[in-house]
Amino acid sequence: MNATKITTGMDTNVKRSGSDRGSLVADPIEGETTMNSPKRLARIAGVLYLLVGIFGGFAEGFVEPRMYVAGNAATTASNLLANAGLVRLGVVADLFQATVWIFLGLTLYLLLKHVNKSVARAMVVLVAIGASIVCLNTVFEFEGLRAATGAINLAAFGTAGSNALVLLLLDTQHYGIFIAQIFFGLWLVPLGYLAYKSAGLFPKWLGVVLIVGGACYLVDLLAAFLVPGFDQSIHAFVTIPSGIAEISMVLYLLVIGVKTVKPDERILAAE
């Protein structure tokens, strides 16, 4: 009787695990009420991802294009001067979305570390580097605003000189976004891999789309630096897969969370 009880207990409690990959089976989903349940983590990640998209889109897709005019120092300076409040909002939005992006990476790490810890850690590192570059970029934007509004004494440079300095700072911020784009793309690759290998938590097609979206970010970046002028003609097309990938991930996390599957089914999917 004792042997039977011990054997039965082992059958119901033992999980398959690997040294670096972690457990092949995530913590049980059905009936979980803890903060670390996969469903809850997925929904939290979805909200965080949505915030990154909203605030990042506002700062980098709305504010920055309205302020920066490549090669035109006078217009760039006047834009900053006329929209100082909007620029300040853009700076705060950029800092906020970069901070939230880090928490998003950590949340997805908790959700997917059982698939492969090394890949999950690499994803978090890429997010941290990208977020750091975004935060550094805001310094140049804010200093450009201060120079344009006269918060810095640039009388010795004259009007033309101070406008040129403003353009230089905004130029640096503009191309800094391209550098950050390396990590906008790179972090999607391990995320896509983890989703693909998640043993049924996410559909495989979503993992593939994320990897393709990450690669498209990098193609767009290389075109901007290696083929100036041509990048504008392909930018809209190359970034479409990236947009589809990230929007799909956000919607999946918010609407579905993760698939509820039985542990034995997840073992078979992992194999």
C-alpha atoms as a PDB file:
ATOM      1  CA  MET A   1       0.000   0.000   0.000  1.00  0.00           C
ATOM      2  CA  ASN A   2       2.774   2.416   0.859  1.00  0.00           C
ATOM      3  CA  ALA A   3       4.561   1.709  -2.406  1.00  0.00           C
ATOM      4  CA  THR A   4       1.333   2.281  -4.319  1.00  0.00           C
ATOM      5  CA  LYS A   5       0.788   5.626  -2.615  1.00  0.00           C
ATOM      6  CA  ILE A   6       4.326   6.779  -3.287  1.00  0.00           C
ATOM      7  CA  THR A   7       4.109   5.801  -6.945  1.00  0.00           C
ATOM      8  CA  THR A   8       0.756   7.533  -7.351  1.00  0.00           C
ATOM      9  CA  GLY A   9       2.071  10.704  -5.742  1.00  0.00           C
ATOM     10  CA  MET A  10       5.023  10.766  -8.075  1.00  0.00           C
ATOM     11  CA  ASP A  11       2.792  10.317 -11.127  1.00  0.00           C
ATOM     12  CA  THR A  12       0.606  13.271 -10.247  1.00  0.00           C
ATOM     13  CA  ASN A  13       3.249  15.741  -9.079  1.00  0.00           C
ATOM     14  CA  VAL A  14       6.342  15.223 -11.216  1.00  0.00           C
ATOM     15  CA  LYS A  15       6.847  17.597 -14.161  1.00  0.00           C
ATOM     16  CA  ARG A  16       9.221  17.152 -17.028  1.00  0.00           C
ATOM     17  CA  SER A  17      12.105  19.567 -16.892  1.00  0.00           C
ATOM     18  CA  GLY A  18      15.358  20.384 -18.639  1.00  0.00           C
ATOM     19  CA  SER A  19      18.541  21.987 -17.410  1.00  0.00           C
ATOM     20  CA  ASP A  20      18.519  25.172 -19.448  1.00  0.00           C
ATOM     21  CA  ARG A  21      15.118  24.986 -21.093  1.00  0.00           C
ATOM     22  CA  GLY A  22      13.286  24.897 -17.792  1.00  0.00           C
ATOM     23  CA  SER A  23      10.114  22.899 -17.397  1.00  0.00           C
ATOM     24  CA  LEU A  24       8.469  21.809 -20.618  1.00  0.00           C
ATOM     25  CA  VAL A  25       5.147  22.309 -18.902  1.00  0.00           C
ATOM     26  CA  ALA A  26       4.138  25.729 -17.635  1.00  0.00           C
ATOM     27  CA  ASP A  27       2.429  26.025 -14.281  1.00  0.00           C
ATOM     28  CA  PRO A  28      -1.150  24.715 -14.362  1.00  0.00           C
ATOM     29  CA  ILE A  29      -3.595  27.090 -15.969  1.00  0.00           C
ATOM     30  CA  GLU A  30      -6.990  25.729 -14.971  1.00  0.00           C
ATOM     31  CA  GLY A  31      -8.075  26.913 -11.532  1.00  0.00           C
ATOM     32  CA  GLU A  32      -5.064  29.177 -10.956  1.00  0.00           C
ATOM     33  CA  THR A  33      -5.744  32.427  -9.143  1.00  0.00           C
ATOM     34  CA  THR A  34      -2.182  33.587  -8.410  1.00  0.00           C
ATOM     35  CA  MET A  35      -0.526  36.589 -10.005  1.00  0.00           C
ATOM     36  CA  ASN A  36       1.778  34.225 -11.893  1.00  0.00           C
ATOM     37  CA  SER A  37      -0.951  32.299 -13.692  1.00  0.00           C
ATOM     38  CA  PRO A  38      -0.314  32.270 -17.474  1.00  0.00           C
ATOM     39  CA  LYS A  39      -3.711  33.799 -18.279  1.00  0.00           C
ATOM     40  CA  ARG A  40      -3.173  36.673 -15.890  1.00  0.00           C
ATOM     41  CA  LEU A  41       0.402  37.282 -17.036  1.00  0.00           C
ATOM     42  CA  ALA A  42      -0.722  37.267 -20.668  1.00  0.00           C
ATOM     43  CA  ARG A  43      -3.430  39.854 -20.024  1.00  0.00           C
ATOM     44  CA  ILE A  44      -0.995  42.053 -18.083  1.00  0.00           C
ATOM     45  CA  ALA A  45       1.482  41.764 -20.962  1.00  0.00           C
ATOM     46  CA  GLY A  46      -1.277  42.708 -23.410  1.00  0.00           C
ATOM     47  CA  VAL A  47      -2.122  45.878 -21.485  1.00  0.00           C
ATOM     48  CA  LEU A  48       1.564  46.825 -21.202  1.00  0.00           C
ATOM     49  CA  TYR A  49       2.140  46.158 -24.917  1.00  0.00           C
ATOM     50  CA  LEU A  50      -0.859  48.331 -25.778  1.00  0.00           C
ATOM     51  CA  LEU A  51       0.530  51.168 -23.642  1.00  0.00           C
ATOM     52  CA  VAL A  52       3.900  50.886 -25.388  1.00  0.00           C
ATOM     53  CA  GLY A  53       2.163  51.114 -28.755  1.00  0.00           C
ATOM     54  CA  ILE A  54      -0.011  54.093 -27.814  1.00  0.00           C
ATOM     55  CA  PHE A  55       2.627  56.226 -26.108  1.00  0.00           C
ATOM     56  CA  GLY A  56       5.435  55.189 -28.459  1.00  0.00           C
ATOM     57  CA  GLY A  57       3.243  55.921 -31.469  1.00  0.00           C
ATOM     58  CA  PHE A  58       2.363  59.342 -30.073  1.00  0.00           C
ATOM     59  CA  ALA A  59       5.989  60.283 -29.330  1.00  0.00           C
ATOM     60  CA  GLU A  60       7.708  58.834 -32.389  1.00  0.00           C
ATOM     61  CA  GLY A  61       4.899  58.709 -34.920  1.00  0.00           C
ATOM     62  CA  PHE A  62       3.113  61.977 -34.199  1.00  0.00           C
ATOM     63  CA  VAL A  63       5.277  64.449 -32.282  1.00  0.00           C
ATOM     64  CA  GLU A  64       8.711  63.818 -33.827  1.00  0.00           C
ATOM     65  CA  PRO A  65       7.598  64.085 -37.504  1.00  0.00           C
ATOM     66  CA  ARG A  66       5.759  67.349 -36.751  1.00  0.00           C
ATOM     67  CA  MET A  67       8.850  68.943 -35.212  1.00  0.00           C
ATOM     68  CA  TYR A  68      11.766  67.672 -37.277  1.00  0.00           C
ATOM     69  CA  VAL A  69      12.349  68.909 -40.825  1.00  0.00           C
ATOM     70  CA  ALA A  70      15.501  67.363 -42.266  1.00  0.00           C
ATOM     71  CA  GLY A  71      17.990  69.940 -43.524  1.00  0.00           C
ATOM     72  CA  ASN A  72      15.872  72.944 -42.503  1.00  0.00           C
ATOM     73  CA  ALA A  73      17.194  74.445 -39.289  1.00  0.00           C
ATOM     74  CA  ALA A  74      14.914  77.489 -39.209  1.00  0.00           C
ATOM     75  CA  THR A  75      11.708  75.509 -39.691  1.00  0.00           C
ATOM     76  CA  THR A  76      12.720  72.866 -37.142  1.00  0.00           C
ATOM     77  CA  ALA A  77      13.514  75.531 -34.542  1.00  0.00           C
ATOM     78  CA  SER A  78      10.264  77.389 -35.189  1.00  0.00           C
ATOM     79  CA  ASN A  79       8.284  74.151 -34.941  1.00  0.00           C
ATOM     80  CA  LEU A  80       9.778  73.452 -31.534  1.00  0.00           C
ATOM     81  CA  LEU A  81       9.152  76.997 -30.384  1.00  0.00           C
ATOM     82  CA  ALA A  82       5.508  76.961 -31.523  1.00  0.00           C
ATOM     83  CA  ASN A  83       4.775  73.513 -30.060  1.00  0.00           C
ATOM     84  CA  ALA A  84       6.825  73.485 -26.862  1.00  0.00           C
ATOM     85  CA  GLY A  85       4.030  71.903 -24.822  1.00  0.00           C
ATOM     86  CA  LEU A  86       3.525  69.140 -27.358  1.00  0.00           C
ATOM     87  CA  VAL A  87       7.263  68.398 -27.401  1.00  0.00           C
ATOM     88  CA  ARG A  88       7.296  68.100 -23.607  1.00  0.00           C
ATOM     89  CA  LEU A  89       4.396  65.660 -23.803  1.00  0.00           C
ATOM     90  CA  GLY A  90       6.304  63.712 -26.432  1.00  0.00           C
ATOM     91  CA  VAL A  91       9.387  63.492 -24.211  1.00  0.00           C
ATOM     92  CA  VAL A  92       7.338  62.239 -21.261  1.00  0.00           C
ATOM     93  CA  ALA A  93       5.481  59.759 -23.499  1.00  0.00           C
ATOM     94  CA  ASP A  94       8.773  58.382 -24.829  1.00  0.00           C
ATOM     95  CA  LEU A  95      10.206  57.947 -21.337  1.00  0.00           C
ATOM     96  CA  PHE A  96       6.991  56.304 -20.172  1.00  0.00           C
ATOM     97  CA  GLN A  97       6.767  53.856 -23.068  1.00  0.00           C
ATOM     98  CA  ALA A  98      10.437  52.879 -22.656  1.00  0.00           C
ATOM     99  CA  THR A  99       9.839  52.131 -18.973  1.00  0.00           C
ATOM    100  CA  VAL A 100       6.688  50.146 -19.709  1.00  0.00           C
ATOM    101  CA  TRP A 101       8.552  48.238 -22.432  1.00  0.00           C
ATOM    102  CA  ILE A 102      10.982  46.942 -19.802  1.00  0.00           C
ATOM    103  CA  PHE A 103       8.114  45.739 -17.610  1.00  0.00           C
ATOM    104  CA  LEU A 104       6.544  44.152 -20.700  1.00  0.00           C
ATOM    105  CA  GLY A 105       9.756  42.225 -21.334  1.00  0.00           C
ATOM    106  CA  LEU A 106       9.873  41.047 -17.715  1.00  0.00           C
ATOM    107  CA  THR A 107       6.225  39.965 -17.803  1.00  0.00           C
ATOM    108  CA  LEU A 108       6.750  37.987 -21.011  1.00  0.00           C
ATOM    109  CA  TYR A 109       9.860  36.468 -19.431  1.00  0.00           C
ATOM    110  CA  LEU A 110       7.765  35.162 -16.532  1.00  0.00           C
ATOM    111  CA  LEU A 111       5.200  33.842 -18.996  1.00  0.00           C
ATOM    112  CA  LEU A 112       7.622  32.098 -21.358  1.00  0.00           C
ATOM    113  CA  LYS A 113      10.759  31.266 -19.376  1.00  0.00           C
ATOM    114  CA  HIS A 114       9.652  27.618 -19.100  1.00  0.00           C
ATOM    115  CA  VAL A 115      10.128  27.302 -22.875  1.00  0.00           C
ATOM    116  CA  ASN A 116      13.791  28.307 -22.941  1.00  0.00           C
ATOM    117  CA  LYS A 117      15.360  30.412 -20.201  1.00  0.00           C
ATOM    118  CA  SER A 118      18.379  31.499 -22.254  1.00  0.00           C
ATOM    119  CA  VAL A 119      16.216  32.810 -25.100  1.00  0.00           C
ATOM    120  CA  ALA A 120      13.847  34.499 -22.628  1.00  0.00           C
ATOM    121  CA  ARG A 121      16.801  36.208 -20.937  1.00  0.00           C
ATOM    122  CA  ALA A 122      18.156  37.349 -24.300  1.00  0.00           C
ATOM    123  CA  MET A 123      14.754  38.898 -25.056  1.00  0.00           C
ATOM    124  CA  VAL A 124      14.835  40.892 -21.803  1.00  0.00           C
ATOM    125  CA  VAL A 125      18.409  42.067 -22.460  1.00  0.00           C
ATOM    126  CA  LEU A 126      17.451  43.302 -25.945  1.00  0.00           C
ATOM    127  CA  VAL A 127      14.463  45.143 -24.497  1.00  0.00           C
ATOM    128  CA  ALA A 128      16.644  46.781 -21.829  1.00  0.00           C
ATOM    129  CA  ILE A 129      19.177  47.972 -24.427  1.00  0.00           C
ATOM    130  CA  GLY A 130      16.466  49.308 -26.742  1.00  0.00           C
ATOM    131  CA  ALA A 131      14.682  51.098 -23.897  1.00  0.00           C
ATOM    132  CA  SER A 132      17.964  52.688 -22.780  1.00  0.00           C
ATOM    133  CA  ILE A 133      18.556  54.079 -26.282  1.00  0.00           C
ATOM    134  CA  VAL A 134      15.011  55.476 -26.399  1.00  0.00           C
ATOM    135  CA  CYS A 135      15.544  57.238 -23.065  1.00  0.00           C
ATOM    136  CA  LEU A 136      18.864  58.663 -24.241  1.00  0.00           C
ATOM    137  CA  ASN A 137      17.187  59.956 -27.406  1.00  0.00           C
ATOM    138  CA  THR A 138      14.758  62.016 -25.360  1.00  0.00           C
ATOM    139  CA  VAL A 139      17.704  63.982 -23.933  1.00  0.00           C
ATOM    140  CA  PHE A 140      18.571  65.287 -27.406  1.00  0.00           C
ATOM    141  CA  GLU A 141      14.951  66.178 -28.119  1.00  0.00           C
ATOM    142  CA  PHE A 142      14.575  67.996 -24.824  1.00  0.00           C
ATOM    143  CA  GLU A 143      17.856  69.862 -25.245  1.00  0.00           C
ATOM    144  CA  GLY A 144      16.745  70.864 -28.731  1.00  0.00           C
ATOM    145  CA  LEU A 145      13.591  72.298 -27.192  1.00  0.00           C
ATOM    146  CA  ARG A 146      15.594  74.208 -24.586  1.00  0.00           C
ATOM    147  CA  ALA A 147      17.865  75.636 -27.272  1.00  0.00           C
ATOM    148  CA  ALA A 148      14.914  76.686 -29.438  1.00  0.00           C
ATOM    149  CA  THR A 149      13.018  78.353 -26.582  1.00  0.00           C
ATOM    150  CA  GLY A 150      16.022  80.295 -25.280  1.00  0.00           C
ATOM    151  CA  ALA A 151      16.409  78.329 -22.045  1.00  0.00           C
ATOM    152  CA  ILE A 152      20.076  78.010 -23.013  1.00  0.00           C
ATOM    153  CA  ASN A 153      22.014  81.211 -23.697  1.00  0.00           C
ATOM    154  CA  LEU A 154      23.161  80.844 -27.309  1.00  0.00           C
ATOM    155  CA  ALA A 155      23.523  84.561 -28.097  1.00  0.00           C
ATOM    156  CA  ALA A 156      27.143  84.021 -29.121  1.00  0.00           C
ATOM    157  CA  PHE A 157      26.006  81.698 -31.932  1.00  0.00           C
ATOM    158  CA  GLY A 158      23.492  84.129 -33.417  1.00  0.00           C
ATOM    159  CA  THR A 159      20.095  83.114 -34.758  1.00  0.00           C
ATOM    160  CA  ALA A 160      21.447  80.991 -37.588  1.00  0.00           C
ATOM    161  CA  GLY A 161      23.946  79.263 -35.300  1.00  0.00           C
ATOM    162  CA  SER A 162      21.388  78.479 -32.605  1.00  0.00           C
ATOM    163  CA  ASN A 163      18.970  77.131 -35.219  1.00  0.00           C
ATOM    164  CA  ALA A 164      21.747  74.948 -36.604  1.00  0.00           C
ATOM    165  CA  LEU A 165      22.405  73.592 -33.114  1.00  0.00           C
ATOM    166  CA  VAL A 166      18.709  72.819 -32.684  1.00  0.00           C
ATOM    167  CA  LEU A 167      18.712  70.928 -35.984  1.00  0.00           C
ATOM    168  CA  LEU A 168      21.833  69.013 -34.958  1.00  0.00           C
ATOM    169  CA  LEU A 169      20.189  67.890 -31.723  1.00  0.00           C
ATOM    170  CA  LEU A 170      16.993  66.851 -33.513  1.00  0.00           C
ATOM    171  CA  ASP A 171      19.077  65.112 -36.194  1.00  0.00           C
ATOM    172  CA  THR A 172      20.767  63.099 -33.463  1.00  0.00           C
ATOM    173  CA  GLN A 173      17.423  62.205 -31.927  1.00  0.00           C
ATOM    174  CA  HIS A 174      15.992  61.256 -35.325  1.00  0.00           C
ATOM    175  CA  TYR A 175      18.813  58.875 -36.192  1.00  0.00           C
ATOM    176  CA  GLY A 176      18.862  57.608 -32.631  1.00  0.00           C
ATOM    177  CA  ILE A 177      15.370  56.267 -33.285  1.00  0.00           C
ATOM    178  CA  PHE A 178      16.833  54.259 -36.158  1.00  0.00           C
ATOM    179  CA  ILE A 179      19.435  52.806 -33.797  1.00  0.00           C
ATOM    180  CA  ALA A 180      16.690  51.897 -31.329  1.00  0.00           C
ATOM    181  CA  GLN A 181      14.855  50.258 -34.227  1.00  0.00           C
ATOM    182  CA  ILE A 182      17.554  47.573 -34.234  1.00  0.00           C
ATOM    183  CA  PHE A 183      16.212  46.435 -30.898  1.00  0.00           C
ATOM    184  CA  PHE A 184      12.567  47.030 -31.875  1.00  0.00           C
ATOM    185  CA  GLY A 185      13.242  44.281 -34.395  1.00  0.00           C
ATOM    186  CA  LEU A 186      15.693  42.059 -32.534  1.00  0.00           C
ATOM    187  CA  TRP A 187      13.529  41.537 -29.456  1.00  0.00           C
ATOM    188  CA  LEU A 188      10.691  40.209 -31.635  1.00  0.00           C
ATOM    189  CA  VAL A 189      12.909  37.335 -32.836  1.00  0.00           C
ATOM    190  CA  PRO A 190      13.330  35.590 -29.439  1.00  0.00           C
ATOM    191  CA  LEU A 191       9.732  36.471 -28.595  1.00  0.00           C
ATOM    192  CA  GLY A 192       8.587  34.812 -31.810  1.00  0.00           C
ATOM    193  CA  TYR A 193      10.753  31.770 -31.107  1.00  0.00           C
ATOM    194  CA  LEU A 194       9.331  31.421 -27.596  1.00  0.00           C
ATOM    195  CA  ALA A 195       5.771  31.790 -28.898  1.00  0.00           C
ATOM    196  CA  TYR A 196       6.440  29.187 -31.606  1.00  0.00           C
ATOM    197  CA  LYS A 197       7.898  26.731 -29.078  1.00  0.00           C
ATOM    198  CA  SER A 198       5.423  27.487 -26.299  1.00  0.00           C
ATOM    199  CA  ALA A 199       3.767  24.061 -26.468  1.00  0.00           C
ATOM    200  CA  GLY A 200       0.337  25.366 -27.362  1.00  0.00           C
ATOM    201  CA  LEU A 201       0.166  28.562 -25.280  1.00  0.00           C
ATOM    202  CA  PHE A 202       0.448  30.593 -28.488  1.00  0.00           C
ATOM    203  CA  PRO A 203      -0.271  29.476 -32.063  1.00  0.00           C
ATOM    204  CA  LYS A 204       2.785  28.706 -34.160  1.00  0.00           C
ATOM    205  CA  TRP A 205       1.720  31.150 -36.873  1.00  0.00           C
ATOM    206  CA  LEU A 206       1.996  34.000 -34.367  1.00  0.00           C
ATOM    207  CA  GLY A 207       5.595  33.063 -33.603  1.00  0.00           C
ATOM    208  CA  VAL A 208       6.452  33.011 -37.305  1.00  0.00           C
ATOM    209  CA  VAL A 209       4.790  36.396 -37.891  1.00  0.00           C
ATOM    210  CA  LEU A 210       6.725  37.942 -34.994  1.00  0.00           C
ATOM    211  CA  ILE A 211      10.052  36.707 -36.365  1.00  0.00           C
ATOM    212  CA  VAL A 212       9.214  38.018 -39.850  1.00  0.00           C
ATOM    213  CA  GLY A 213       8.134  41.352 -38.348  1.00  0.00           C
ATOM    214  CA  GLY A 214      11.421  41.652 -36.476  1.00  0.00           C
ATOM    215  CA  ALA A 215      13.386  40.933 -39.652  1.00  0.00           C
ATOM    216  CA  CYS A 216      11.408  43.617 -41.524  1.00  0.00           C
ATOM    217  CA  TYR A 217      12.353  46.228 -38.901  1.00  0.00           C
ATOM    218  CA  LEU A 218      16.006  45.417 -39.587  1.00  0.00           C
ATOM    219  CA  VAL A 219      15.546  45.544 -43.375  1.00  0.00           C
ATOM    220  CA  ASP A 220      13.953  48.989 -43.060  1.00  0.00           C
ATOM    221  CA  LEU A 221      16.866  50.168 -40.915  1.00  0.00           C
ATOM    222  CA  LEU A 222      19.517  48.850 -43.324  1.00  0.00           C
ATOM    223  CA  ALA A 223      17.753  50.491 -46.260  1.00  0.00           C
ATOM    224  CA  ALA A 224      17.731  53.840 -44.435  1.00  0.00           C
ATOM    225  CA  PHE A 225      21.484  53.755 -43.828  1.00  0.00           C
ATOM    226  CA  LEU A 226      22.753  51.927 -46.907  1.00  0.00           C
ATOM    227  CA  VAL A 227      20.387  53.215 -49.610  1.00  0.00           C
ATOM    228  CA  PRO A 228      19.428  56.799 -48.682  1.00  0.00           C
ATOM    229  CA  GLY A 229      16.388  57.974 -50.625  1.00  0.00           C
ATOM    230  CA  PHE A 230      15.309  54.498 -51.644  1.00  0.00           C
ATOM    231  CA  ASP A 231      14.278  53.683 -48.090  1.00  0.00           C
ATOM    232  CA  GLN A 232      11.347  56.121 -48.312  1.00  0.00           C
ATOM    233  CA  SER A 233       9.871  54.234 -51.246  1.00  0.00           C
ATOM    234  CA  ILE A 234       9.943  50.872 -49.444  1.00  0.00           C
ATOM    235  CA  HIS A 235       9.382  52.020 -45.864  1.00  0.00           C
ATOM    236  CA  ALA A 236       5.598  51.747 -45.959  1.00  0.00           C
ATOM    237  CA  PHE A 237       5.703  48.246 -47.441  1.00  0.00           C
ATOM    238  CA  VAL A 238       8.538  46.834 -45.333  1.00  0.00           C
ATOM    239  CA  THR A 239       7.021  47.935 -42.042  1.00  0.00           C
ATOM    240  CA  ILE A 240       3.583  46.455 -42.798  1.00  0.00           C
ATOM    241  CA  PRO A 241       4.591  42.931 -41.617  1.00  0.00           C
ATOM    242  CA  SER A 242       6.100  44.462 -38.465  1.00  0.00           C
ATOM    243  CA  GLY A 243       2.875  46.309 -37.704  1.00  0.00           C
ATOM    244  CA  ILE A 244       0.775  43.213 -38.375  1.00  0.00           C
ATOM    245  CA  ALA A 245       3.025  41.144 -36.097  1.00  0.00           C
ATOM    246  CA  GLU A 246       2.884  43.503 -33.131  1.00  0.00           C
ATOM    247  CA  ILE A 247      -0.823  44.267 -33.460  1.00  0.00           C
ATOM    248  CA  SER A 248      -1.558  40.536 -33.706  1.00  0.00           C
ATOM    249  CA  MET A 249       0.424  39.877 -30.539  1.00  0.00           C
ATOM    250  CA  VAL A 250      -1.304  42.677 -28.637  1.00  0.00           C
ATOM    251  CA  LEU A 251      -4.769  41.499 -29.694  1.00  0.00           C
ATOM    252  CA  TYR A 252      -3.982  37.876 -28.927  1.00  0.00           C
ATOM    253  CA  LEU A 253      -2.710  38.726 -25.451  1.00  0.00           C
ATOM    254  CA  LEU A 254      -5.709  40.941 -24.690  1.00  0.00           C
ATOM    255  CA  VAL A 255      -8.479  38.848 -26.227  1.00  0.00           C
ATOM    256  CA  ILE A 256      -7.301  35.261 -25.750  1.00  0.00           C
ATOM    257  CA  GLY A 257      -4.377  35.570 -23.353  1.00  0.00           C
ATOM    258  CA  VAL A 258      -2.951  32.111 -23.815  1.00  0.00           C
ATOM    259  CA  LYS A 259      -4.603  28.883 -24.868  1.00  0.00           C
ATOM    260  CA  THR A 260      -5.870  26.776 -21.991  1.00  0.00           C
ATOM    261  CA  VAL A 261      -4.482  23.320 -22.580  1.00  0.00           C
ATOM    262  CA  LYS A 262      -3.976  20.321 -20.359  1.00  0.00           C
ATOM    263  CA  PRO A 263      -0.436  19.598 -19.136  1.00  0.00           C
ATOM    264  CA  ASP A 264      -0.155  16.306 -21.026  1.00  0.00           C
ATOM    265  CA  GLU A 265      -1.248  18.055 -24.225  1.00  0.00           C
ATOM    266  CA  ARG A 266       1.472  20.646 -23.737  1.00  0.00           C
ATOM    267  CA  ILE A 267       4.049  17.876 -23.309  1.00  0.00           C
ATOM    268  CA  LEU A 268       3.021  16.349 -26.631  1.00  0.00           C
ATOM    269  CA  ALA A 269       3.114  19.779 -28.328  1.00  0.00           C
ATOM    270  CA  ALA A 270       6.598  20.460 -26.957  1.00  0.00           C
ATOM    271  CA  GLU A 271       7.830  17.131 -28.318  1.00  0.00           C
END
